Amino acid sequence: MDRLNPLVRDELARLLLRNEVATCGLVIAELRRGARLPAQVREVLDTMDPLAYFEVDKHTWIHAGELAANAAARGYRLEIGDCVLAALALREGCSVYSLDRDFERIPGLKLHRARTV
């Protein structure tokens, strides 16, 4: 987490300490991709290991496709990975903490906002 904006880093640390973070395979794969050195890989995997883990099932994949298709019908494109995360969060009743503003376009999705104080 050293390369993160301090506000983002602090908010993630707070959420981790409060056990309010869950993950899925897509997030782990994205973080692993960004880890270059063996120590970074270990840090990523060790940090992610104790988190609640949500598996993407067939219904969630279909819902992700529906979210992407609905966005296209409204004239904008959502990445399928974002739609998978959104469908998973909707299924689990979770909010999503992301700096990606595309998530704001997904109906019904709760977004976590970092405290600025």
PDB file of N, CA and C in Angstrom:
ATOM      1  N   MET A   1       0.809  -1.197   0.000  1.00  0.00           N
ATOM      2  CA  MET A   1       0.000   0.000   0.000  1.00  0.00           C
ATOM      3  C   MET A   1       0.854   1.264   0.000  1.00  0.00           C
ATOM      4  N   ASP A   2       2.139   1.135  -0.115  1.00  0.00           N
ATOM      5  CA  ASP A   2       3.020   2.297  -0.049  1.00  0.00           C
ATOM      6  C   ASP A   2       2.808   3.287  -1.183  1.00  0.00           C
ATOM      7  N   ARG A   3       2.397   2.809  -2.353  1.00  0.00           N
ATOM      8  CA  ARG A   3       2.261   3.697  -3.507  1.00  0.00           C
ATOM      9  C   ARG A   3       0.913   4.416  -3.543  1.00  0.00           C
ATOM     10  N   LEU A   4       0.055   4.150  -2.589  1.00  0.00           N
ATOM     11  CA  LEU A   4      -1.278   4.741  -2.607  1.00  0.00           C
ATOM     12  C   LEU A   4      -1.290   6.166  -2.087  1.00  0.00           C
ATOM     13  N   ASN A   5      -2.268   6.910  -2.542  1.00  0.00           N
ATOM     14  CA  ASN A   5      -2.568   8.206  -1.980  1.00  0.00           C
ATOM     15  C   ASN A   5      -2.754   8.015  -0.470  1.00  0.00           C
ATOM     16  N   PRO A   6      -2.184   8.885   0.370  1.00  0.00           N
ATOM     17  CA  PRO A   6      -2.297   8.711   1.830  1.00  0.00           C
ATOM     18  C   PRO A   6      -3.732   8.607   2.329  1.00  0.00           C
ATOM     19  N   LEU A   7      -4.660   9.351   1.728  1.00  0.00           N
ATOM     20  CA  LEU A   7      -6.060   9.261   2.156  1.00  0.00           C
ATOM     21  C   LEU A   7      -6.640   7.888   1.847  1.00  0.00           C
ATOM     22  N   VAL A   8      -6.321   7.363   0.677  1.00  0.00           N
ATOM     23  CA  VAL A   8      -6.796   6.035   0.294  1.00  0.00           C
ATOM     24  C   VAL A   8      -6.142   4.985   1.181  1.00  0.00           C
ATOM     25  N   ARG A   9      -4.837   5.096   1.373  1.00  0.00           N
ATOM     26  CA  ARG A   9      -4.111   4.143   2.217  1.00  0.00           C
ATOM     27  C   ARG A   9      -4.696   4.117   3.626  1.00  0.00           C
ATOM     28  N   ASP A  10      -4.929   5.300   4.212  1.00  0.00           N
ATOM     29  CA  ASP A  10      -5.457   5.374   5.570  1.00  0.00           C
ATOM     30  C   ASP A  10      -6.867   4.792   5.654  1.00  0.00           C
ATOM     31  N   GLU A  11      -7.683   5.061   4.649  1.00  0.00           N
ATOM     32  CA  GLU A  11      -9.045   4.522   4.653  1.00  0.00           C
ATOM     33  C   GLU A  11      -9.029   3.005   4.516  1.00  0.00           C
ATOM     34  N   LEU A  12      -8.189   2.481   3.647  1.00  0.00           N
ATOM     35  CA  LEU A  12      -8.083   1.029   3.517  1.00  0.00           C
ATOM     36  C   LEU A  12      -7.586   0.396   4.818  1.00  0.00           C
ATOM     37  N   ALA A  13      -6.612   1.031   5.443  1.00  0.00           N
ATOM     38  CA  ALA A  13      -6.101   0.515   6.721  1.00  0.00           C
ATOM     39  C   ALA A  13      -7.217   0.501   7.764  1.00  0.00           C
ATOM     40  N   ARG A  14      -8.013   1.563   7.811  1.00  0.00           N
ATOM     41  CA  ARG A  14      -9.120   1.641   8.768  1.00  0.00           C
ATOM     42  C   ARG A  14     -10.136   0.528   8.504  1.00  0.00           C
ATOM     43  N   LEU A  15     -10.488   0.331   7.244  1.00  0.00           N
ATOM     44  CA  LEU A  15     -11.447  -0.714   6.897  1.00  0.00           C
ATOM     45  C   LEU A  15     -10.905  -2.107   7.211  1.00  0.00           C
ATOM     46  N   LEU A  16      -9.628  -2.316   6.940  1.00  0.00           N
ATOM     47  CA  LEU A  16      -9.012  -3.610   7.251  1.00  0.00           C
ATOM     48  C   LEU A  16      -9.019  -3.875   8.749  1.00  0.00           C
ATOM     49  N   LEU A  17      -8.676  -2.870   9.539  1.00  0.00           N
ATOM     50  CA  LEU A  17      -8.663  -3.031  10.994  1.00  0.00           C
ATOM     51  C   LEU A  17     -10.056  -3.338  11.540  1.00  0.00           C
ATOM     52  N   ARG A  18     -11.067  -2.801  10.898  1.00  0.00           N
ATOM     53  CA  ARG A  18     -12.444  -3.027  11.340  1.00  0.00           C
ATOM     54  C   ARG A  18     -13.055  -4.279  10.710  1.00  0.00           C
ATOM     55  N   ASN A  19     -12.248  -5.017   9.967  1.00  0.00           N
ATOM     56  CA  ASN A  19     -12.696  -6.246   9.313  1.00  0.00           C
ATOM     57  C   ASN A  19     -13.900  -5.978   8.398  1.00  0.00           C
ATOM     58  N   GLU A  20     -13.833  -4.896   7.641  1.00  0.00           N
ATOM     59  CA  GLU A  20     -14.914  -4.495   6.750  1.00  0.00           C
ATOM     60  C   GLU A  20     -14.522  -4.603   5.280  1.00  0.00           C
ATOM     61  N   VAL A  21     -13.609  -5.503   4.983  1.00  0.00           N
ATOM     62  CA  VAL A  21     -13.138  -5.661   3.610  1.00  0.00           C
ATOM     63  C   VAL A  21     -13.341  -7.109   3.182  1.00  0.00           C
ATOM     64  N   ALA A  22     -13.859  -7.258   1.987  1.00  0.00           N
ATOM     65  CA  ALA A  22     -13.981  -8.573   1.362  1.00  0.00           C
ATOM     66  C   ALA A  22     -13.310  -8.479   0.004  1.00  0.00           C
ATOM     67  N   THR A  23     -13.037  -9.619  -0.573  1.00  0.00           N
ATOM     68  CA  THR A  23     -12.378  -9.633  -1.873  1.00  0.00           C
ATOM     69  C   THR A  23     -12.940 -10.746  -2.739  1.00  0.00           C
ATOM     70  N   CYS A  24     -12.432 -10.802  -3.953  1.00  0.00           N
ATOM     71  CA  CYS A  24     -12.795 -11.864  -4.887  1.00  0.00           C
ATOM     72  C   CYS A  24     -11.590 -12.124  -5.778  1.00  0.00           C
ATOM     73  N   GLY A  25     -11.689 -13.133  -6.601  1.00  0.00           N
ATOM     74  CA  GLY A  25     -10.573 -13.522  -7.452  1.00  0.00           C
ATOM     75  C   GLY A  25     -10.081 -12.417  -8.369  1.00  0.00           C
ATOM     76  N   LEU A  26     -10.999 -11.649  -8.917  1.00  0.00           N
ATOM     77  CA  LEU A  26     -10.614 -10.572  -9.827  1.00  0.00           C
ATOM     78  C   LEU A  26      -9.729  -9.538  -9.130  1.00  0.00           C
ATOM     79  N   VAL A  27     -10.083  -9.169  -7.914  1.00  0.00           N
ATOM     80  CA  VAL A  27      -9.285  -8.192  -7.166  1.00  0.00           C
ATOM     81  C   VAL A  27      -7.911  -8.767  -6.834  1.00  0.00           C
ATOM     82  N   ILE A  28      -7.875 -10.011  -6.386  1.00  0.00           N
ATOM     83  CA  ILE A  28      -6.589 -10.638  -6.060  1.00  0.00           C
ATOM     84  C   ILE A  28      -5.699 -10.702  -7.306  1.00  0.00           C
ATOM     85  N   ALA A  29      -6.273 -11.078  -8.436  1.00  0.00           N
ATOM     86  CA  ALA A  29      -5.495 -11.164  -9.677  1.00  0.00           C
ATOM     87  C   ALA A  29      -4.961  -9.796 -10.090  1.00  0.00           C
ATOM     88  N   GLU A  30      -5.789  -8.760  -9.964  1.00  0.00           N
ATOM     89  CA  GLU A  30      -5.345  -7.401 -10.318  1.00  0.00           C
ATOM     90  C   GLU A  30      -4.206  -6.948  -9.398  1.00  0.00           C
ATOM     91  N   LEU A  31      -4.348  -7.182  -8.113  1.00  0.00           N
ATOM     92  CA  LEU A  31      -3.288  -6.778  -7.180  1.00  0.00           C
ATOM     93  C   LEU A  31      -2.017  -7.593  -7.409  1.00  0.00           C
ATOM     94  N   ARG A  32      -2.174  -8.883  -7.681  1.00  0.00           N
ATOM     95  CA  ARG A  32      -1.007  -9.738  -7.944  1.00  0.00           C
ATOM     96  C   ARG A  32      -0.285  -9.270  -9.198  1.00  0.00           C
ATOM     97  N   ARG A  33      -1.037  -8.870 -10.199  1.00  0.00           N
ATOM     98  CA  ARG A  33      -0.439  -8.385 -11.441  1.00  0.00           C
ATOM     99  C   ARG A  33       0.461  -7.183 -11.177  1.00  0.00           C
ATOM    100  N   GLY A  34       0.067  -6.325 -10.254  1.00  0.00           N
ATOM    101  CA  GLY A  34       0.838  -5.124  -9.955  1.00  0.00           C
ATOM    102  C   GLY A  34       2.043  -5.351  -9.080  1.00  0.00           C
ATOM    103  N   ALA A  35       2.120  -6.510  -8.445  1.00  0.00           N
ATOM    104  CA  ALA A  35       3.264  -6.823  -7.572  1.00  0.00           C
ATOM    105  C   ALA A  35       4.405  -7.361  -8.420  1.00  0.00           C
ATOM    106  N   ARG A  36       5.537  -6.697  -8.367  1.00  0.00           N
ATOM    107  CA  ARG A  36       6.662  -7.079  -9.225  1.00  0.00           C
ATOM    108  C   ARG A  36       7.726  -7.901  -8.483  1.00  0.00           C
ATOM    109  N   LEU A  37       8.009  -7.511  -7.265  1.00  0.00           N
ATOM    110  CA  LEU A  37       9.065  -8.170  -6.499  1.00  0.00           C
ATOM    111  C   LEU A  37       8.485  -9.273  -5.619  1.00  0.00           C
ATOM    112  N   PRO A  38       9.257 -10.322  -5.333  1.00  0.00           N
ATOM    113  CA  PRO A  38       8.757 -11.398  -4.475  1.00  0.00           C
ATOM    114  C   PRO A  38       8.199 -10.896  -3.136  1.00  0.00           C
ATOM    115  N   ALA A  39       8.828  -9.894  -2.542  1.00  0.00           N
ATOM    116  CA  ALA A  39       8.330  -9.351  -1.271  1.00  0.00           C
ATOM    117  C   ALA A  39       6.960  -8.689  -1.463  1.00  0.00           C
ATOM    118  N   GLN A  40       6.760  -8.027  -2.610  1.00  0.00           N
ATOM    119  CA  GLN A  40       5.463  -7.407  -2.887  1.00  0.00           C
ATOM    120  C   GLN A  40       4.388  -8.476  -3.080  1.00  0.00           C
ATOM    121  N   VAL A  41       4.738  -9.545  -3.771  1.00  0.00           N
ATOM    122  CA  VAL A  41       3.795 -10.641  -3.985  1.00  0.00           C
ATOM    123  C   VAL A  41       3.376 -11.222  -2.645  1.00  0.00           C
ATOM    124  N   ARG A  42       4.342 -11.488  -1.777  1.00  0.00           N
ATOM    125  CA  ARG A  42       4.038 -12.022  -0.442  1.00  0.00           C
ATOM    126  C   ARG A  42       3.141 -11.066   0.336  1.00  0.00           C
ATOM    127  N   GLU A  43       3.444  -9.758   0.274  1.00  0.00           N
ATOM    128  CA  GLU A  43       2.640  -8.775   1.007  1.00  0.00           C
ATOM    129  C   GLU A  43       1.199  -8.761   0.508  1.00  0.00           C
ATOM    130  N   VAL A  44       1.022  -8.773  -0.808  1.00  0.00           N
ATOM    131  CA  VAL A  44      -0.322  -8.782  -1.374  1.00  0.00           C
ATOM    132  C   VAL A  44      -1.074 -10.029  -0.934  1.00  0.00           C
ATOM    133  N   LEU A  45      -0.462 -11.186  -1.127  1.00  0.00           N
ATOM    134  CA  LEU A  45      -1.150 -12.439  -0.812  1.00  0.00           C
ATOM    135  C   LEU A  45      -1.405 -12.583   0.690  1.00  0.00           C
ATOM    136  N   ASP A  46      -0.447 -12.173   1.513  1.00  0.00           N
ATOM    137  CA  ASP A  46      -0.635 -12.242   2.970  1.00  0.00           C
ATOM    138  C   ASP A  46      -1.734 -11.296   3.435  1.00  0.00           C
ATOM    139  N   THR A  47      -1.815 -10.124   2.824  1.00  0.00           N
ATOM    140  CA  THR A  47      -2.848  -9.154   3.192  1.00  0.00           C
ATOM    141  C   THR A  47      -4.228  -9.650   2.771  1.00  0.00           C
ATOM    142  N   MET A  48      -4.324 -10.271   1.622  1.00  0.00           N
ATOM    143  CA  MET A  48      -5.612 -10.708   1.099  1.00  0.00           C
ATOM    144  C   MET A  48      -6.107 -12.008   1.730  1.00  0.00           C
ATOM    145  N   ASP A  49      -5.200 -12.836   2.208  1.00  0.00           N
ATOM    146  CA  ASP A  49      -5.566 -14.168   2.684  1.00  0.00           C
ATOM    147  C   ASP A  49      -6.648 -14.190   3.766  1.00  0.00           C
ATOM    148  N   PRO A  50      -6.575 -13.342   4.795  1.00  0.00           N
ATOM    149  CA  PRO A  50      -7.600 -13.443   5.848  1.00  0.00           C
ATOM    150  C   PRO A  50      -8.948 -12.791   5.504  1.00  0.00           C
ATOM    151  N   LEU A  51      -9.033 -12.110   4.382  1.00  0.00           N
ATOM    152  CA  LEU A  51     -10.263 -11.398   4.041  1.00  0.00           C
ATOM    153  C   LEU A  51     -11.374 -12.359   3.641  1.00  0.00           C
ATOM    154  N   ALA A  52     -12.613 -11.929   3.895  1.00  0.00           N
ATOM    155  CA  ALA A  52     -13.752 -12.687   3.383  1.00  0.00           C
ATOM    156  C   ALA A  52     -13.600 -12.771   1.865  1.00  0.00           C
ATOM    157  N   TYR A  53     -13.940 -13.917   1.307  1.00  0.00           N
ATOM    158  CA  TYR A  53     -13.748 -14.146  -0.122  1.00  0.00           C
ATOM    159  C   TYR A  53     -15.085 -14.528  -0.745  1.00  0.00           C
ATOM    160  N   PHE A  54     -15.473 -13.794  -1.778  1.00  0.00           N
ATOM    161  CA  PHE A  54     -16.713 -14.076  -2.489  1.00  0.00           C
ATOM    162  C   PHE A  54     -16.383 -14.653  -3.856  1.00  0.00           C
ATOM    163  N   GLU A  55     -16.979 -15.784  -4.137  1.00  0.00           N
ATOM    164  CA  GLU A  55     -16.774 -16.457  -5.424  1.00  0.00           C
ATOM    165  C   GLU A  55     -17.859 -16.011  -6.403  1.00  0.00           C
ATOM    166  N   VAL A  56     -17.480 -15.842  -7.642  1.00  0.00           N
ATOM    167  CA  VAL A  56     -18.420 -15.447  -8.689  1.00  0.00           C
ATOM    168  C   VAL A  56     -19.064 -16.710  -9.257  1.00  0.00           C
ATOM    169  N   ASP A  57     -20.382 -16.785  -9.150  1.00  0.00           N
ATOM    170  CA  ASP A  57     -21.107 -17.933  -9.685  1.00  0.00           C
ATOM    171  C   ASP A  57     -21.754 -17.576 -11.037  1.00  0.00           C
ATOM    172  N   LYS A  58     -22.408 -18.551 -11.627  1.00  0.00           N
ATOM    173  CA  LYS A  58     -22.998 -18.361 -12.955  1.00  0.00           C
ATOM    174  C   LYS A  58     -24.005 -17.211 -12.969  1.00  0.00           C
ATOM    175  N   HIS A  59     -24.871 -17.133 -11.970  1.00  0.00           N
ATOM    176  CA  HIS A  59     -25.867 -16.062 -11.913  1.00  0.00           C
ATOM    177  C   HIS A  59     -25.195 -14.685 -11.861  1.00  0.00           C
ATOM    178  N   THR A  60     -24.097 -14.593 -11.120  1.00  0.00           N
ATOM    179  CA  THR A  60     -23.382 -13.322 -10.997  1.00  0.00           C
ATOM    180  C   THR A  60     -22.751 -12.929 -12.332  1.00  0.00           C
ATOM    181  N   TRP A  61     -22.218 -13.899 -13.061  1.00  0.00           N
ATOM    182  CA  TRP A  61     -21.677 -13.615 -14.397  1.00  0.00           C
ATOM    183  C   TRP A  61     -22.785 -13.089 -15.316  1.00  0.00           C
ATOM    184  N   ILE A  62     -23.953 -13.714 -15.254  1.00  0.00           N
ATOM    185  CA  ILE A  62     -25.076 -13.270 -16.086  1.00  0.00           C
ATOM    186  C   ILE A  62     -25.486 -11.851 -15.700  1.00  0.00           C
ATOM    187  N   HIS A  63     -25.558 -11.596 -14.396  1.00  0.00           N
ATOM    188  CA  HIS A  63     -25.917 -10.247 -13.928  1.00  0.00           C
ATOM    189  C   HIS A  63     -24.886  -9.220 -14.399  1.00  0.00           C
ATOM    190  N   ALA A  64     -23.612  -9.589 -14.367  1.00  0.00           N
ATOM    191  CA  ALA A  64     -22.559  -8.680 -14.853  1.00  0.00           C
ATOM    192  C   ALA A  64     -22.781  -8.351 -16.321  1.00  0.00           C
ATOM    193  N   GLY A  65     -23.117  -9.342 -17.110  1.00  0.00           N
ATOM    194  CA  GLY A  65     -23.411  -9.108 -18.521  1.00  0.00           C
ATOM    195  C   GLY A  65     -24.614  -8.200 -18.708  1.00  0.00           C
ATOM    196  N   GLU A  66     -25.630  -8.369 -17.856  1.00  0.00           N
ATOM    197  CA  GLU A  66     -26.811  -7.506 -17.912  1.00  0.00           C
ATOM    198  C   GLU A  66     -26.444  -6.061 -17.579  1.00  0.00           C
ATOM    199  N   LEU A  67     -25.608  -5.867 -16.566  1.00  0.00           N
ATOM    200  CA  LEU A  67     -25.181  -4.512 -16.203  1.00  0.00           C
ATOM    201  C   LEU A  67     -24.451  -3.849 -17.370  1.00  0.00           C
ATOM    202  N   ALA A  68     -23.565  -4.604 -18.017  1.00  0.00           N
ATOM    203  CA  ALA A  68     -22.825  -4.060 -19.162  1.00  0.00           C
ATOM    204  C   ALA A  68     -23.759  -3.759 -20.324  1.00  0.00           C
ATOM    205  N   ALA A  69     -24.708  -4.656 -20.593  1.00  0.00           N
ATOM    206  CA  ALA A  69     -25.656  -4.450 -21.692  1.00  0.00           C
ATOM    207  C   ALA A  69     -26.565  -3.254 -21.414  1.00  0.00           C
ATOM    208  N   ASN A  70     -27.016  -3.119 -20.183  1.00  0.00           N
ATOM    209  CA  ASN A  70     -27.869  -1.983 -19.822  1.00  0.00           C
ATOM    210  C   ASN A  70     -27.122  -0.663 -19.967  1.00  0.00           C
ATOM    211  N   ALA A  71     -25.849  -0.655 -19.583  1.00  0.00           N
ATOM    212  CA  ALA A  71     -25.043   0.556 -19.740  1.00  0.00           C
ATOM    213  C   ALA A  71     -24.908   0.901 -21.225  1.00  0.00           C
ATOM    214  N   ALA A  72     -24.638  -0.101 -22.044  1.00  0.00           N
ATOM    215  CA  ALA A  72     -24.501   0.141 -23.484  1.00  0.00           C
ATOM    216  C   ALA A  72     -25.801   0.682 -24.073  1.00  0.00           C
ATOM    217  N   ALA A  73     -26.917   0.165 -23.593  1.00  0.00           N
ATOM    218  CA  ALA A  73     -28.213   0.649 -24.082  1.00  0.00           C
ATOM    219  C   ALA A  73     -28.451   2.108 -23.696  1.00  0.00           C
ATOM    220  N   ARG A  74     -27.812   2.545 -22.601  1.00  0.00           N
ATOM    221  CA  ARG A  74     -27.930   3.941 -22.164  1.00  0.00           C
ATOM    222  C   ARG A  74     -26.832   4.819 -22.766  1.00  0.00           C
ATOM    223  N   GLY A  75     -25.971   4.213 -23.613  1.00  0.00           N
ATOM    224  CA  GLY A  75     -25.002   5.000 -24.357  1.00  0.00           C
ATOM    225  C   GLY A  75     -23.614   5.109 -23.758  1.00  0.00           C
ATOM    226  N   TYR A  76     -23.279   4.287 -22.793  1.00  0.00           N
ATOM    227  CA  TYR A  76     -21.915   4.312 -22.276  1.00  0.00           C
ATOM    228  C   TYR A  76     -21.419   2.895 -22.036  1.00  0.00           C
ATOM    229  N   ARG A  77     -20.109   2.782 -21.955  1.00  0.00           N
ATOM    230  CA  ARG A  77     -19.462   1.483 -21.837  1.00  0.00           C
ATOM    231  C   ARG A  77     -18.944   1.291 -20.421  1.00  0.00           C
ATOM    232  N   LEU A  78     -19.242   0.144 -19.848  1.00  0.00           N
ATOM    233  CA  LEU A  78     -18.660  -0.256 -18.570  1.00  0.00           C
ATOM    234  C   LEU A  78     -17.776  -1.476 -18.816  1.00  0.00           C
ATOM    235  N   GLU A  79     -16.602  -1.475 -18.215  1.00  0.00           N
ATOM    236  CA  GLU A  79     -15.710  -2.631 -18.327  1.00  0.00           C
ATOM    237  C   GLU A  79     -16.374  -3.843 -17.674  1.00  0.00           C
ATOM    238  N   ILE A  80     -16.217  -5.001 -18.280  1.00  0.00           N
ATOM    239  CA  ILE A  80     -16.867  -6.200 -17.748  1.00  0.00           C
ATOM    240  C   ILE A  80     -16.343  -6.531 -16.347  1.00  0.00           C
ATOM    241  N   GLY A  81     -15.065  -6.272 -16.081  1.00  0.00           N
ATOM    242  CA  GLY A  81     -14.531  -6.511 -14.738  1.00  0.00           C
ATOM    243  C   GLY A  81     -15.234  -5.663 -13.694  1.00  0.00           C
ATOM    244  N   ASP A  82     -15.503  -4.396 -14.022  1.00  0.00           N
ATOM    245  CA  ASP A  82     -16.252  -3.529 -13.103  1.00  0.00           C
ATOM    246  C   ASP A  82     -17.661  -4.073 -12.897  1.00  0.00           C
ATOM    247  N   CYS A  83     -18.255  -4.580 -13.961  1.00  0.00           N
ATOM    248  CA  CYS A  83     -19.602  -5.137 -13.854  1.00  0.00           C
ATOM    249  C   CYS A  83     -19.623  -6.403 -13.008  1.00  0.00           C
ATOM    250  N   VAL A  84     -18.583  -7.213 -13.103  1.00  0.00           N
ATOM    251  CA  VAL A  84     -18.483  -8.415 -12.270  1.00  0.00           C
ATOM    252  C   VAL A  84     -18.397  -8.017 -10.796  1.00  0.00           C
ATOM    253  N   LEU A  85     -17.532  -7.036 -10.490  1.00  0.00           N
ATOM    254  CA  LEU A  85     -17.411  -6.577  -9.096  1.00  0.00           C
ATOM    255  C   LEU A  85     -18.734  -5.997  -8.599  1.00  0.00           C
ATOM    256  N   ALA A  86     -19.393  -5.213  -9.445  1.00  0.00           N
ATOM    257  CA  ALA A  86     -20.671  -4.622  -9.062  1.00  0.00           C
ATOM    258  C   ALA A  86     -21.729  -5.698  -8.832  1.00  0.00           C
ATOM    259  N   ALA A  87     -21.820  -6.664  -9.717  1.00  0.00           N
ATOM    260  CA  ALA A  87     -22.800  -7.741  -9.565  1.00  0.00           C
ATOM    261  C   ALA A  87     -22.544  -8.529  -8.286  1.00  0.00           C
ATOM    262  N   LEU A  88     -21.291  -8.760  -7.984  1.00  0.00           N
ATOM    263  CA  LEU A  88     -20.924  -9.478  -6.762  1.00  0.00           C
ATOM    264  C   LEU A  88     -21.297  -8.664  -5.524  1.00  0.00           C
ATOM    265  N   ALA A  89     -21.000  -7.370  -5.545  1.00  0.00           N
ATOM    266  CA  ALA A  89     -21.341  -6.502  -4.417  1.00  0.00           C
ATOM    267  C   ALA A  89     -22.864  -6.409  -4.240  1.00  0.00           C
ATOM    268  N   LEU A  90     -23.589  -6.312  -5.326  1.00  0.00           N
ATOM    269  CA  LEU A  90     -25.047  -6.285  -5.242  1.00  0.00           C
ATOM    270  C   LEU A  90     -25.580  -7.590  -4.664  1.00  0.00           C
ATOM    271  N   ARG A  91     -25.021  -8.707  -5.098  1.00  0.00           N
ATOM    272  CA  ARG A  91     -25.454 -10.012  -4.581  1.00  0.00           C
ATOM    273  C   ARG A  91     -25.222 -10.129  -3.080  1.00  0.00           C
ATOM    274  N   GLU A  92     -24.071  -9.629  -2.627  1.00  0.00           N
ATOM    275  CA  GLU A  92     -23.680  -9.776  -1.227  1.00  0.00           C
ATOM    276  C   GLU A  92     -24.162  -8.626  -0.341  1.00  0.00           C
ATOM    277  N   GLY A  93     -24.747  -7.590  -0.942  1.00  0.00           N
ATOM    278  CA  GLY A  93     -25.202  -6.444  -0.161  1.00  0.00           C
ATOM    279  C   GLY A  93     -24.058  -5.589   0.352  1.00  0.00           C
ATOM    280  N   CYS A  94     -22.963  -5.572  -0.370  1.00  0.00           N
ATOM    281  CA  CYS A  94     -21.763  -4.824   0.026  1.00  0.00           C
ATOM    282  C   CYS A  94     -21.682  -3.506  -0.728  1.00  0.00           C
ATOM    283  N   SER A  95     -20.920  -2.598  -0.171  1.00  0.00           N
ATOM    284  CA  SER A  95     -20.592  -1.385  -0.914  1.00  0.00           C
ATOM    285  C   SER A  95     -19.226  -1.579  -1.562  1.00  0.00           C
ATOM    286  N   VAL A  96     -18.959  -0.789  -2.576  1.00  0.00           N
ATOM    287  CA  VAL A  96     -17.692  -0.851  -3.297  1.00  0.00           C
ATOM    288  C   VAL A  96     -16.892   0.405  -2.984  1.00  0.00           C
ATOM    289  N   TYR A  97     -15.624   0.208  -2.644  1.00  0.00           N
ATOM    290  CA  TYR A  97     -14.713   1.330  -2.427  1.00  0.00           C
ATOM    291  C   TYR A  97     -13.769   1.373  -3.605  1.00  0.00           C
ATOM    292  N   SER A  98     -13.939   2.374  -4.450  1.00  0.00           N
ATOM    293  CA  SER A  98     -13.123   2.501  -5.644  1.00  0.00           C
ATOM    294  C   SER A  98     -13.040   3.970  -6.022  1.00  0.00           C
ATOM    295  N   LEU A  99     -11.948   4.335  -6.641  1.00  0.00           N
ATOM    296  CA  LEU A  99     -11.803   5.679  -7.172  1.00  0.00           C
ATOM    297  C   LEU A  99     -12.329   5.764  -8.605  1.00  0.00           C
ATOM    298  N   ASP A 100     -12.727   4.633  -9.164  1.00  0.00           N
ATOM    299  CA  ASP A 100     -13.246   4.548 -10.522  1.00  0.00           C
ATOM    300  C   ASP A 100     -14.680   5.081 -10.536  1.00  0.00           C
ATOM    301  N   ARG A 101     -14.892   6.185 -11.210  1.00  0.00           N
ATOM    302  CA  ARG A 101     -16.202   6.849 -11.218  1.00  0.00           C
ATOM    303  C   ARG A 101     -17.237   6.065 -12.028  1.00  0.00           C
ATOM    304  N   ASP A 102     -16.811   5.087 -12.824  1.00  0.00           N
ATOM    305  CA  ASP A 102     -17.772   4.285 -13.584  1.00  0.00           C
ATOM    306  C   ASP A 102     -18.760   3.567 -12.671  1.00  0.00           C
ATOM    307  N   PHE A 103     -18.328   3.223 -11.463  1.00  0.00           N
ATOM    308  CA  PHE A 103     -19.220   2.530 -10.535  1.00  0.00           C
ATOM    309  C   PHE A 103     -20.437   3.386 -10.184  1.00  0.00           C
ATOM    310  N   GLU A 104     -20.304   4.697 -10.290  1.00  0.00           N
ATOM    311  CA  GLU A 104     -21.424   5.596  -9.991  1.00  0.00           C
ATOM    312  C   GLU A 104     -22.570   5.430 -10.989  1.00  0.00           C
ATOM    313  N   ARG A 105     -22.299   4.831 -12.118  1.00  0.00           N
ATOM    314  CA  ARG A 105     -23.309   4.656 -13.171  1.00  0.00           C
ATOM    315  C   ARG A 105     -24.098   3.359 -13.029  1.00  0.00           C
ATOM    316  N   ILE A 106     -23.809   2.579 -12.014  1.00  0.00           N
ATOM    317  CA  ILE A 106     -24.465   1.276 -11.865  1.00  0.00           C
ATOM    318  C   ILE A 106     -25.620   1.417 -10.875  1.00  0.00           C
ATOM    319  N   PRO A 107     -26.841   1.284 -11.372  1.00  0.00           N
ATOM    320  CA  PRO A 107     -28.020   1.468 -10.530  1.00  0.00           C
ATOM    321  C   PRO A 107     -28.045   0.503  -9.341  1.00  0.00           C
ATOM    322  N   GLY A 108     -28.346   1.063  -8.171  1.00  0.00           N
ATOM    323  CA  GLY A 108     -28.494   0.253  -6.967  1.00  0.00           C
ATOM    324  C   GLY A 108     -27.208  -0.082  -6.246  1.00  0.00           C
ATOM    325  N   LEU A 109     -26.081   0.211  -6.858  1.00  0.00           N
ATOM    326  CA  LEU A 109     -24.802  -0.127  -6.238  1.00  0.00           C
ATOM    327  C   LEU A 109     -24.462   0.885  -5.153  1.00  0.00           C
ATOM    328  N   LYS A 110     -24.156   0.383  -3.963  1.00  0.00           N
ATOM    329  CA  LYS A 110     -23.733   1.251  -2.868  1.00  0.00           C
ATOM    330  C   LYS A 110     -22.232   1.481  -2.979  1.00  0.00           C
ATOM    331  N   LEU A 111     -21.834   2.731  -2.832  1.00  0.00           N
ATOM    332  CA  LEU A 111     -20.423   3.087  -2.895  1.00  0.00           C
ATOM    333  C   LEU A 111     -19.939   3.534  -1.527  1.00  0.00           C
ATOM    334  N   HIS A 112     -18.764   3.074  -1.155  1.00  0.00           N
ATOM    335  CA  HIS A 112     -18.142   3.520   0.102  1.00  0.00           C
ATOM    336  C   HIS A 112     -17.398   4.806  -0.182  1.00  0.00           C
ATOM    337  N   ARG A 113     -17.614   5.779   0.625  1.00  0.00           N
ATOM    338  CA  ARG A 113     -16.913   7.052   0.506  1.00  0.00           C
ATOM    339  C   ARG A 113     -15.973   7.192   1.679  1.00  0.00           C
ATOM    340  N   ALA A 114     -14.737   7.525   1.399  1.00  0.00           N
ATOM    341  CA  ALA A 114     -13.743   7.697   2.457  1.00  0.00           C
ATOM    342  C   ALA A 114     -14.082   8.924   3.293  1.00  0.00           C
ATOM    343  N   ARG A 115     -13.835   8.800   4.562  1.00  0.00           N
ATOM    344  CA  ARG A 115     -13.990   9.968   5.435  1.00  0.00           C
ATOM    345  C   ARG A 115     -12.836  10.909   5.184  1.00  0.00           C
ATOM    346  N   THR A 116     -13.119  12.177   5.076  1.00  0.00           N
ATOM    347  CA  THR A 116     -12.063  13.135   4.771  1.00  0.00           C
ATOM    348  C   THR A 116     -11.520  13.802   6.029  1.00  0.00           C
ATOM    349  N   VAL A 117     -12.093  13.520   7.177  1.00  0.00           N
ATOM    350  CA  VAL A 117     -11.630  14.118   8.435  1.00  0.00           C
ATOM    351  C   VAL A 117     -10.971  13.056   9.276  1.00  0.00           C
TER     352      VAL A 117
END
